[in-house]
Amino acid sequence: MGRHVIVALSALGLFAGTATAQIGNPAGMGVETRMAKPGIPAPNQTNNQDRLFAQLAAAGGLAEVELGRVAGQKASADPVKQFADRMVQDHSDANGKLKNLADAAKIPLPTELDADHQVVRDHLDKLNGEAFDRAYIAAQIVDHQKTAQLLAWEISLGEDAEMQRLAGSMLPIVLDHLRQAQEINAALSGAGIRFLPDAVAASEHRP
């Protein structure tokens, strides 16, 4: 895990120890939750947060794979192509794990792009060359910022322990995707990288 990722996780209070302490989240149990023993949900018991997380994460993961395949065919810069290939591989793996957990908990998942990602797909279809590369990477930065927040939300408020653990395992990967996308964006556009919160970045330069 890179230093910037570690600093960001620390700033967000999302180290594994913090997440593990909340696994099962007894404070957020649904009223119909079956118990393995008092205070501990049985396997595959979900609350509203788990169900919404699974559906949103599946929609985002499906879009990452779909847009990654498009970028694999249309991107002109090698770093963008390599990033797209990584998105297809990493998110296909995560999507499979999420589907297994959702099936066990009887949570239906989307199988087609949602409206927001369809708009992005339609926009990308109209672009080529450098314009496509910049638009694809810009969309990836936004999507991975949203996904990192979604994973943190599930880690904090979910009830299904396995789903929380999956979110915890995905978060460092998603943050690394975000870092990589920001570096590519900086190279393509000359934009600065603003991965760290300003206060954290400033503190690193203090004596």
Protein backbone atom coordinates (compact mmCIF):
# COMPACT_ATOMS: atom_id res chain seq x y z
CA MET A 1 0.00 0.00 0.00
CA GLY A 2 1.48 3.35 -1.01
CA ARG A 3 2.30 6.05 1.52
CA HIS A 4 -0.37 8.37 0.17
CA VAL A 5 -3.00 5.63 0.50
CA ILE A 6 -1.94 4.95 4.09
CA VAL A 7 -2.12 8.65 4.96
CA ALA A 8 -5.55 8.98 3.33
CA LEU A 9 -6.89 5.92 5.15
CA SER A 10 -5.55 7.27 8.41
CA ALA A 11 -7.20 10.63 7.77
CA LEU A 12 -10.50 8.91 7.14
CA GLY A 13 -10.18 6.60 10.16
CA LEU A 14 -10.52 3.57 7.94
CA PHE A 15 -7.69 1.27 8.95
CA ALA A 16 -8.64 -2.37 9.21
CA GLY A 17 -8.60 -2.29 13.00
CA THR A 18 -11.30 0.36 13.07
CA ALA A 19 -13.40 -1.51 10.53
CA THR A 20 -12.98 -4.86 12.27
CA ALA A 21 -14.20 -3.38 15.55
CA GLN A 22 -17.52 -2.62 13.85
CA ILE A 23 -17.99 -5.90 11.97
CA GLY A 24 -21.57 -7.07 12.43
CA ASN A 25 -22.59 -3.58 13.58
CA PRO A 26 -24.97 -4.51 16.44
CA ALA A 27 -26.10 -0.89 16.62
CA GLY A 28 -27.52 -1.08 13.10
CA MET A 29 -29.32 -4.44 13.06
CA GLY A 30 -32.61 -4.73 11.23
CA VAL A 31 -35.60 -5.67 13.37
CA GLU A 32 -35.97 -9.05 11.62
CA THR A 33 -32.32 -10.04 11.95
CA ARG A 34 -31.77 -13.67 12.95
CA MET A 35 -29.04 -14.12 15.55
CA ALA A 36 -26.22 -16.65 15.68
CA LYS A 37 -26.05 -15.78 19.38
CA PRO A 38 -27.16 -12.74 21.37
CA GLY A 39 -25.87 -9.55 19.72
CA ILE A 40 -24.29 -11.35 16.75
CA PRO A 41 -26.21 -11.59 13.43
CA ALA A 42 -26.41 -14.99 11.72
CA PRO A 43 -24.57 -15.25 8.36
CA ASN A 44 -26.10 -13.37 5.41
CA GLN A 45 -28.34 -11.23 7.59
CA THR A 46 -28.53 -7.75 6.07
CA ASN A 47 -29.81 -4.32 7.00
CA ASN A 48 -30.89 -1.49 4.69
CA GLN A 49 -27.30 -0.27 4.34
CA ASP A 50 -26.08 -3.69 3.19
CA ARG A 51 -28.79 -3.96 0.56
CA LEU A 52 -28.28 -0.45 -0.80
CA PHE A 53 -24.51 -0.90 -0.73
CA ALA A 54 -24.73 -4.15 -2.71
CA GLN A 55 -26.93 -2.57 -5.39
CA LEU A 56 -24.85 0.62 -5.72
CA ALA A 57 -21.53 -1.23 -5.64
CA ALA A 58 -22.79 -3.67 -8.28
CA ALA A 59 -23.95 -0.81 -10.52
CA GLY A 60 -20.57 0.89 -10.16
CA GLY A 61 -18.63 -2.32 -10.70
CA LEU A 62 -20.65 -3.22 -13.77
CA ALA A 63 -19.91 0.25 -15.20
CA GLU A 64 -16.17 -0.05 -14.44
CA VAL A 65 -15.99 -3.26 -16.47
CA GLU A 66 -18.14 -1.94 -19.33
CA LEU A 67 -16.31 1.41 -19.61
CA GLY A 68 -12.95 -0.34 -19.16
CA ARG A 69 -13.69 -2.56 -22.16
CA VAL A 70 -14.63 0.52 -24.22
CA ALA A 71 -11.41 2.27 -23.16
CA GLY A 72 -9.39 -0.84 -23.94
CA GLN A 73 -10.53 -0.49 -27.55
CA LYS A 74 -10.57 3.31 -27.96
CA ALA A 75 -7.85 4.77 -25.70
CA SER A 76 -4.81 6.16 -27.51
CA ALA A 77 -2.31 6.50 -24.63
CA ASP A 78 -0.71 3.31 -23.30
CA PRO A 79 -1.17 4.27 -19.61
CA VAL A 80 -4.90 4.73 -20.23
CA LYS A 81 -5.15 1.36 -21.97
CA GLN A 82 -3.26 -0.31 -19.12
CA PHE A 83 -5.48 1.38 -16.55
CA ALA A 84 -8.59 0.25 -18.43
CA ASP A 85 -7.33 -3.33 -18.52
CA ARG A 86 -6.74 -3.20 -14.77
CA MET A 87 -10.28 -1.88 -14.22
CA VAL A 88 -11.76 -4.80 -16.15
CA GLN A 89 -9.68 -7.34 -14.23
CA ASP A 90 -10.01 -5.91 -10.70
CA HIS A 91 -13.69 -5.02 -10.90
CA SER A 92 -14.66 -8.31 -12.58
CA ASP A 93 -13.08 -10.07 -9.61
CA ALA A 94 -14.84 -7.81 -7.08
CA ASN A 95 -18.15 -8.09 -8.94
CA GLY A 96 -18.02 -11.89 -8.71
CA LYS A 97 -17.37 -11.81 -4.96
CA LEU A 98 -20.15 -9.29 -4.40
CA LYS A 99 -22.61 -11.35 -6.46
CA ASN A 100 -21.91 -14.45 -4.37
CA LEU A 101 -22.67 -12.54 -1.16
CA ALA A 102 -25.74 -10.87 -2.67
CA ASP A 103 -27.09 -14.20 -3.91
CA ALA A 104 -26.65 -15.71 -0.45
CA ALA A 105 -28.57 -12.78 1.07
CA LYS A 106 -31.17 -12.77 -1.74
CA ILE A 107 -30.33 -9.22 -2.84
CA PRO A 108 -31.13 -8.59 -6.52
CA LEU A 109 -28.34 -6.81 -8.40
CA PRO A 110 -28.48 -4.69 -11.57
CA THR A 111 -27.43 -6.34 -14.82
CA GLU A 112 -27.38 -3.25 -17.07
CA LEU A 113 -25.77 0.19 -16.91
CA ASP A 114 -27.69 2.66 -14.78
CA ALA A 115 -28.84 5.97 -16.29
CA ASP A 116 -25.85 8.00 -15.08
CA HIS A 117 -23.27 5.58 -16.44
CA GLN A 118 -25.19 5.20 -19.69
CA VAL A 119 -24.80 8.98 -20.16
CA VAL A 120 -21.04 8.61 -19.61
CA ARG A 121 -20.90 5.67 -22.04
CA ASP A 122 -22.82 7.62 -24.71
CA HIS A 123 -20.49 10.63 -24.26
CA LEU A 124 -17.37 8.47 -24.55
CA ASP A 125 -18.72 6.82 -27.68
CA LYS A 126 -18.60 10.24 -29.41
CA LEU A 127 -14.93 10.89 -28.55
CA ASN A 128 -11.63 9.67 -29.92
CA GLY A 129 -7.92 10.04 -29.30
CA GLU A 130 -6.72 12.40 -26.59
CA ALA A 131 -10.21 13.77 -25.94
CA PHE A 132 -11.43 10.25 -25.18
CA ASP A 133 -8.49 9.55 -22.88
CA ARG A 134 -9.05 12.72 -20.85
CA ALA A 135 -12.83 12.19 -20.56
CA TYR A 136 -12.48 8.52 -19.57
CA ILE A 137 -9.89 9.24 -16.88
CA ALA A 138 -11.87 12.23 -15.54
CA ALA A 139 -14.96 10.01 -15.20
CA GLN A 140 -12.86 7.36 -13.45
CA ILE A 141 -11.65 9.85 -10.85
CA VAL A 142 -15.23 10.82 -10.00
CA ASP A 143 -16.43 7.21 -9.92
CA HIS A 144 -13.60 6.03 -7.67
CA GLN A 145 -14.12 8.92 -5.26
CA LYS A 146 -17.79 7.91 -4.98
CA THR A 147 -16.88 4.23 -4.60
CA ALA A 148 -14.38 4.94 -1.81
CA GLN A 149 -17.10 6.81 0.10
CA LEU A 150 -19.58 3.98 -0.50
CA LEU A 151 -17.14 1.37 0.81
CA ALA A 152 -16.40 3.44 3.91
CA TRP A 153 -20.15 3.76 4.51
CA GLU A 154 -20.64 -0.02 4.33
CA ILE A 155 -17.67 -0.68 6.62
CA SER A 156 -19.15 1.66 9.22
CA LEU A 157 -22.87 0.87 8.98
CA GLY A 158 -23.35 -2.54 7.37
CA GLU A 159 -24.69 -5.57 9.26
CA ASP A 160 -23.55 -8.47 7.04
CA ALA A 161 -20.03 -9.23 8.30
CA GLU A 162 -18.90 -10.82 5.04
CA MET A 163 -20.11 -7.84 3.04
CA GLN A 164 -18.29 -5.50 5.41
CA ARG A 165 -15.10 -7.54 5.02
CA LEU A 166 -15.44 -7.41 1.24
CA ALA A 167 -15.81 -3.63 1.43
CA GLY A 168 -12.74 -3.47 3.67
CA SER A 169 -10.69 -5.52 1.22
CA MET A 170 -11.84 -3.42 -1.74
CA LEU A 171 -11.15 -0.01 -0.24
CA PRO A 172 -7.31 -0.01 -0.55
CA ILE A 173 -7.64 -1.27 -4.13
CA VAL A 174 -10.14 1.43 -5.05
CA LEU A 175 -7.95 4.11 -3.47
CA ASP A 176 -5.00 2.82 -5.48
CA HIS A 177 -7.15 3.00 -8.64
CA LEU A 178 -7.98 6.60 -7.71
CA ARG A 179 -4.31 7.47 -7.18
CA GLN A 180 -3.39 5.92 -10.53
CA ALA A 181 -6.19 7.75 -12.36
CA GLN A 182 -5.11 11.05 -10.81
CA GLU A 183 -1.51 10.49 -11.89
CA ILE A 184 -2.63 9.71 -15.45
CA ASN A 185 -4.87 12.76 -15.45
CA ALA A 186 -1.95 14.92 -14.31
CA ALA A 187 0.19 13.57 -17.15
CA LEU A 188 -2.56 14.08 -19.74
CA SER A 189 -3.69 17.52 -18.70
CA GLY A 190 -0.93 18.98 -16.54
CA ALA A 191 -3.41 19.19 -13.66
CA GLY A 192 -2.05 18.87 -10.13
CA ILE A 193 -2.77 15.77 -8.03
CA ARG A 194 -5.11 16.58 -5.15
CA PHE A 195 -5.41 13.15 -3.55
CA LEU A 196 -4.64 14.15 0.04
CA PRO A 197 -6.92 16.45 2.01
CA ASP A 198 -5.34 19.90 2.08
CA ALA A 199 -4.91 19.83 5.85
CA VAL A 200 -3.11 16.47 5.77
CA ALA A 201 -0.89 17.52 2.87
CA ALA A 202 0.02 20.75 4.62
CA SER A 203 0.89 18.92 7.85
CA GLU A 204 3.47 16.82 5.98
CA HIS A 205 5.54 19.95 5.31
CA ARG A 206 5.53 21.19 8.87
CA PRO A 207 8.88 20.93 10.76
